[in-house]
Amino acid sequence: MLYTPGIALRLNVLLSALGLVAGKGASFISARTSYPLSQLSPNGPFYLSAGVTGFSFAINLVYISISKWLIREAGAELEDAELRTEAKRRSVVSMTEAQAIQQVADKRRFKIREVFKLGDVVWAYVQVVSLRPRQTGNHL
């Protein structure tokens, strides 16, 4: 079966969207179940939270392995951290290839001083979000 970068990108976006929806769903479920669980057992919410966290960790490991497999099969471009790891792995095989990968990784590295070059729209959004009033109280 032939995998193209377009298919891998769509699957990656779909998996990311499902992860975000699952996170919001988990937040909603925890808000609705924590009080009834605390009535059954004082440690009930903690045990459920620990179990869900373990399940989430396992699902994230599956996501990482599927994502790496899709990227490898599609021949898509690697991310910054993956480029550094690949450069270290290939340094044993070929110094010139490892140096080239390291050079690409250095170019893609994030520099904090570049944050200040962002446009006015981004800074206006940051101000609006940081200045909005916080909701307080119990909304269950």
C-alpha atoms as a PDB file:
ATOM      1  CA  MET A   1       0.000   0.000   0.000  1.00  0.00           C
ATOM      2  CA  LEU A   2       1.341   3.412  -1.008  1.00  0.00           C
ATOM      3  CA  TYR A   3       1.188   6.242   1.534  1.00  0.00           C
ATOM      4  CA  THR A   4       1.523   9.809   0.336  1.00  0.00           C
ATOM      5  CA  PRO A   5       2.486  12.813   2.493  1.00  0.00           C
ATOM      6  CA  GLY A   6      -1.021  14.249   2.006  1.00  0.00           C
ATOM      7  CA  ILE A   7      -2.634  11.187   3.553  1.00  0.00           C
ATOM      8  CA  ALA A   8      -0.145  11.168   6.435  1.00  0.00           C
ATOM      9  CA  LEU A   9      -0.785  14.854   7.086  1.00  0.00           C
ATOM     10  CA  ARG A  10      -4.567  14.363   7.071  1.00  0.00           C
ATOM     11  CA  LEU A  11      -4.290  11.404   9.435  1.00  0.00           C
ATOM     12  CA  ASN A  12      -1.975  13.356  11.725  1.00  0.00           C
ATOM     13  CA  VAL A  13      -4.387  16.309  11.823  1.00  0.00           C
ATOM     14  CA  LEU A  14      -7.305  13.934  12.449  1.00  0.00           C
ATOM     15  CA  LEU A  15      -5.472  12.244  15.318  1.00  0.00           C
ATOM     16  CA  SER A  16      -4.572  15.627  16.822  1.00  0.00           C
ATOM     17  CA  ALA A  17      -8.176  16.801  16.580  1.00  0.00           C
ATOM     18  CA  LEU A  18      -9.407  13.591  18.195  1.00  0.00           C
ATOM     19  CA  GLY A  19      -6.894  14.096  20.998  1.00  0.00           C
ATOM     20  CA  LEU A  20      -8.173  17.614  21.641  1.00  0.00           C
ATOM     21  CA  VAL A  21     -11.797  16.461  21.646  1.00  0.00           C
ATOM     22  CA  ALA A  22     -10.921  13.583  23.968  1.00  0.00           C
ATOM     23  CA  GLY A  23      -9.218  16.006  26.358  1.00  0.00           C
ATOM     24  CA  LYS A  24     -12.260  18.282  26.481  1.00  0.00           C
ATOM     25  CA  GLY A  25     -14.520  15.265  26.940  1.00  0.00           C
ATOM     26  CA  ALA A  26     -12.384  13.987  29.791  1.00  0.00           C
ATOM     27  CA  SER A  27     -12.528  17.387  31.469  1.00  0.00           C
ATOM     28  CA  PHE A  28     -16.322  17.439  31.199  1.00  0.00           C
ATOM     29  CA  ILE A  29     -16.660  13.886  32.536  1.00  0.00           C
ATOM     30  CA  SER A  30     -14.346  14.590  35.471  1.00  0.00           C
ATOM     31  CA  ALA A  31     -16.331  17.694  36.398  1.00  0.00           C
ATOM     32  CA  ARG A  32     -19.575  15.694  36.400  1.00  0.00           C
ATOM     33  CA  THR A  33     -18.290  12.615  38.245  1.00  0.00           C
ATOM     34  CA  SER A  34     -15.940  13.971  40.924  1.00  0.00           C
ATOM     35  CA  TYR A  35     -18.630  14.933  43.440  1.00  0.00           C
ATOM     36  CA  PRO A  36     -20.616  11.657  43.208  1.00  0.00           C
ATOM     37  CA  LEU A  37     -17.358   9.683  43.481  1.00  0.00           C
ATOM     38  CA  SER A  38     -16.336  11.611  46.576  1.00  0.00           C
ATOM     39  CA  GLN A  39     -19.657  10.624  48.178  1.00  0.00           C
ATOM     40  CA  LEU A  40     -18.858   6.924  47.619  1.00  0.00           C
ATOM     41  CA  SER A  41     -15.231   7.065  48.734  1.00  0.00           C
ATOM     42  CA  PRO A  42     -13.055  10.015  49.779  1.00  0.00           C
ATOM     43  CA  ASN A  43     -10.258   8.767  47.504  1.00  0.00           C
ATOM     44  CA  GLY A  44     -12.546   7.811  44.617  1.00  0.00           C
ATOM     45  CA  PRO A  45     -11.822  10.843  42.407  1.00  0.00           C
ATOM     46  CA  PHE A  46      -8.067  10.368  42.874  1.00  0.00           C
ATOM     47  CA  TYR A  47      -8.156   6.692  41.867  1.00  0.00           C
ATOM     48  CA  LEU A  48     -10.295   7.418  38.826  1.00  0.00           C
ATOM     49  CA  SER A  49      -8.015  10.304  37.854  1.00  0.00           C
ATOM     50  CA  ALA A  50      -4.922   8.132  38.222  1.00  0.00           C
ATOM     51  CA  GLY A  51      -6.513   5.431  36.070  1.00  0.00           C
ATOM     52  CA  VAL A  52      -7.552   7.866  33.363  1.00  0.00           C
ATOM     53  CA  THR A  53      -4.084   9.424  33.413  1.00  0.00           C
ATOM     54  CA  GLY A  54      -2.493   6.017  32.905  1.00  0.00           C
ATOM     55  CA  PHE A  55      -4.882   5.284  30.049  1.00  0.00           C
ATOM     56  CA  SER A  56      -4.121   8.673  28.476  1.00  0.00           C
ATOM     57  CA  PHE A  57      -0.379   8.028  28.753  1.00  0.00           C
ATOM     58  CA  ALA A  58      -0.790   4.668  26.996  1.00  0.00           C
ATOM     59  CA  ILE A  59      -2.865   6.242  24.226  1.00  0.00           C
ATOM     60  CA  ASN A  60      -0.206   8.936  23.745  1.00  0.00           C
ATOM     61  CA  LEU A  61       2.451   6.240  23.331  1.00  0.00           C
ATOM     62  CA  VAL A  62       0.278   4.614  20.668  1.00  0.00           C
ATOM     63  CA  TYR A  63      -0.160   8.019  18.985  1.00  0.00           C
ATOM     64  CA  ILE A  64       3.589   8.626  18.935  1.00  0.00           C
ATOM     65  CA  SER A  65       4.309   5.232  17.417  1.00  0.00           C
ATOM     66  CA  ILE A  66       1.578   5.628  14.771  1.00  0.00           C
ATOM     67  CA  SER A  67       2.752   9.158  13.972  1.00  0.00           C
ATOM     68  CA  LYS A  68       6.370   8.050  13.523  1.00  0.00           C
ATOM     69  CA  TRP A  69       5.254   5.148  11.347  1.00  0.00           C
ATOM     70  CA  LEU A  70       3.143   7.442   9.157  1.00  0.00           C
ATOM     71  CA  ILE A  71       5.981   9.941   8.772  1.00  0.00           C
ATOM     72  CA  ARG A  72       8.454   7.192   7.932  1.00  0.00           C
ATOM     73  CA  GLU A  73       6.130   5.552   5.375  1.00  0.00           C
ATOM     74  CA  ALA A  74       5.157   8.850   3.730  1.00  0.00           C
ATOM     75  CA  GLY A  75       8.683  10.210   3.592  1.00  0.00           C
ATOM     76  CA  ALA A  76       7.487  13.459   5.176  1.00  0.00           C
ATOM     77  CA  GLU A  77       9.772  16.073   6.697  1.00  0.00           C
ATOM     78  CA  LEU A  78      10.836  15.459  10.287  1.00  0.00           C
ATOM     79  CA  GLU A  79      10.309  17.915  13.146  1.00  0.00           C
ATOM     80  CA  ASP A  80      13.159  19.705  14.935  1.00  0.00           C
ATOM     81  CA  ALA A  81      13.574  17.228  17.803  1.00  0.00           C
ATOM     82  CA  GLU A  82      13.276  14.279  15.436  1.00  0.00           C
ATOM     83  CA  LEU A  83      15.955  15.783  13.183  1.00  0.00           C
ATOM     84  CA  ARG A  84      18.397  15.986  16.093  1.00  0.00           C
ATOM     85  CA  THR A  85      17.665  12.399  17.115  1.00  0.00           C
ATOM     86  CA  GLU A  86      18.091  11.204  13.532  1.00  0.00           C
ATOM     87  CA  ALA A  87      21.383  13.117  13.247  1.00  0.00           C
ATOM     88  CA  LYS A  88      22.723  11.417  16.375  1.00  0.00           C
ATOM     89  CA  ARG A  89      21.557   8.019  15.116  1.00  0.00           C
ATOM     90  CA  ARG A  90      23.160   8.481  11.701  1.00  0.00           C
ATOM     91  CA  SER A  91      26.422   9.925  13.037  1.00  0.00           C
ATOM     92  CA  VAL A  92      27.698   6.366  13.324  1.00  0.00           C
ATOM     93  CA  VAL A  93      26.820   5.609   9.679  1.00  0.00           C
ATOM     94  CA  SER A  94      27.963   8.707   7.825  1.00  0.00           C
ATOM     95  CA  MET A  95      29.468  11.864   9.227  1.00  0.00           C
ATOM     96  CA  THR A  96      28.508  14.028   6.246  1.00  0.00           C
ATOM     97  CA  GLU A  97      24.854  12.949   6.309  1.00  0.00           C
ATOM     98  CA  ALA A  98      24.667  13.479  10.082  1.00  0.00           C
ATOM     99  CA  GLN A  99      26.237  16.915   9.720  1.00  0.00           C
ATOM    100  CA  ALA A 100      23.684  17.860   7.064  1.00  0.00           C
ATOM    101  CA  ILE A 101      20.791  16.755   9.263  1.00  0.00           C
ATOM    102  CA  GLN A 102      22.271  18.624  12.232  1.00  0.00           C
ATOM    103  CA  GLN A 103      22.571  21.763  10.103  1.00  0.00           C
ATOM    104  CA  VAL A 104      18.866  21.530   9.159  1.00  0.00           C
ATOM    105  CA  ALA A 105      17.960  20.959  12.812  1.00  0.00           C
ATOM    106  CA  ASP A 106      19.930  24.067  13.830  1.00  0.00           C
ATOM    107  CA  LYS A 107      18.076  26.151  11.255  1.00  0.00           C
ATOM    108  CA  ARG A 108      14.713  24.978  12.555  1.00  0.00           C
ATOM    109  CA  ARG A 109      15.521  25.632  16.216  1.00  0.00           C
ATOM    110  CA  PHE A 110      13.283  28.128  18.008  1.00  0.00           C
ATOM    111  CA  LYS A 111      14.925  31.331  19.192  1.00  0.00           C
ATOM    112  CA  ILE A 112      13.160  33.300  21.936  1.00  0.00           C
ATOM    113  CA  ARG A 113      14.204  36.662  20.517  1.00  0.00           C
ATOM    114  CA  GLU A 114      12.099  35.927  17.427  1.00  0.00           C
ATOM    115  CA  VAL A 115       8.943  36.053  19.560  1.00  0.00           C
ATOM    116  CA  PHE A 116       9.269  39.823  19.685  1.00  0.00           C
ATOM    117  CA  LYS A 117       9.048  39.957  15.883  1.00  0.00           C
ATOM    118  CA  LEU A 118       5.432  38.756  15.941  1.00  0.00           C
ATOM    119  CA  GLY A 119       2.817  41.072  14.485  1.00  0.00           C
ATOM    120  CA  ASP A 120       0.449  43.457  16.238  1.00  0.00           C
ATOM    121  CA  VAL A 121      -2.512  41.113  15.832  1.00  0.00           C
ATOM    122  CA  VAL A 122      -0.814  38.407  17.917  1.00  0.00           C
ATOM    123  CA  TRP A 123       0.053  40.841  20.720  1.00  0.00           C
ATOM    124  CA  ALA A 124      -3.480  42.292  20.692  1.00  0.00           C
ATOM    125  CA  TYR A 125      -4.863  38.761  21.033  1.00  0.00           C
ATOM    126  CA  VAL A 126      -2.515  38.032  23.944  1.00  0.00           C
ATOM    127  CA  GLN A 127      -3.672  41.200  25.699  1.00  0.00           C
ATOM    128  CA  VAL A 128      -7.367  40.451  25.172  1.00  0.00           C
ATOM    129  CA  VAL A 129      -6.989  36.908  26.474  1.00  0.00           C
ATOM    130  CA  SER A 130      -4.933  37.945  29.493  1.00  0.00           C
ATOM    131  CA  LEU A 131      -7.241  40.819  30.467  1.00  0.00           C
ATOM    132  CA  ARG A 132     -10.579  39.036  30.196  1.00  0.00           C
ATOM    133  CA  PRO A 133     -12.350  38.488  33.521  1.00  0.00           C
ATOM    134  CA  ARG A 134     -11.931  35.099  35.127  1.00  0.00           C
ATOM    135  CA  GLN A 135     -15.012  33.096  36.021  1.00  0.00           C
ATOM    136  CA  THR A 136     -15.268  32.078  39.646  1.00  0.00           C
ATOM    137  CA  GLY A 137     -17.617  29.821  41.507  1.00  0.00           C
ATOM    138  CA  ASN A 138     -18.923  26.331  41.037  1.00  0.00           C
ATOM    139  CA  HIS A 139     -20.435  25.744  37.592  1.00  0.00           C
ATOM    140  CA  LEU A 140     -21.537  22.141  38.038  1.00  0.00           C
END
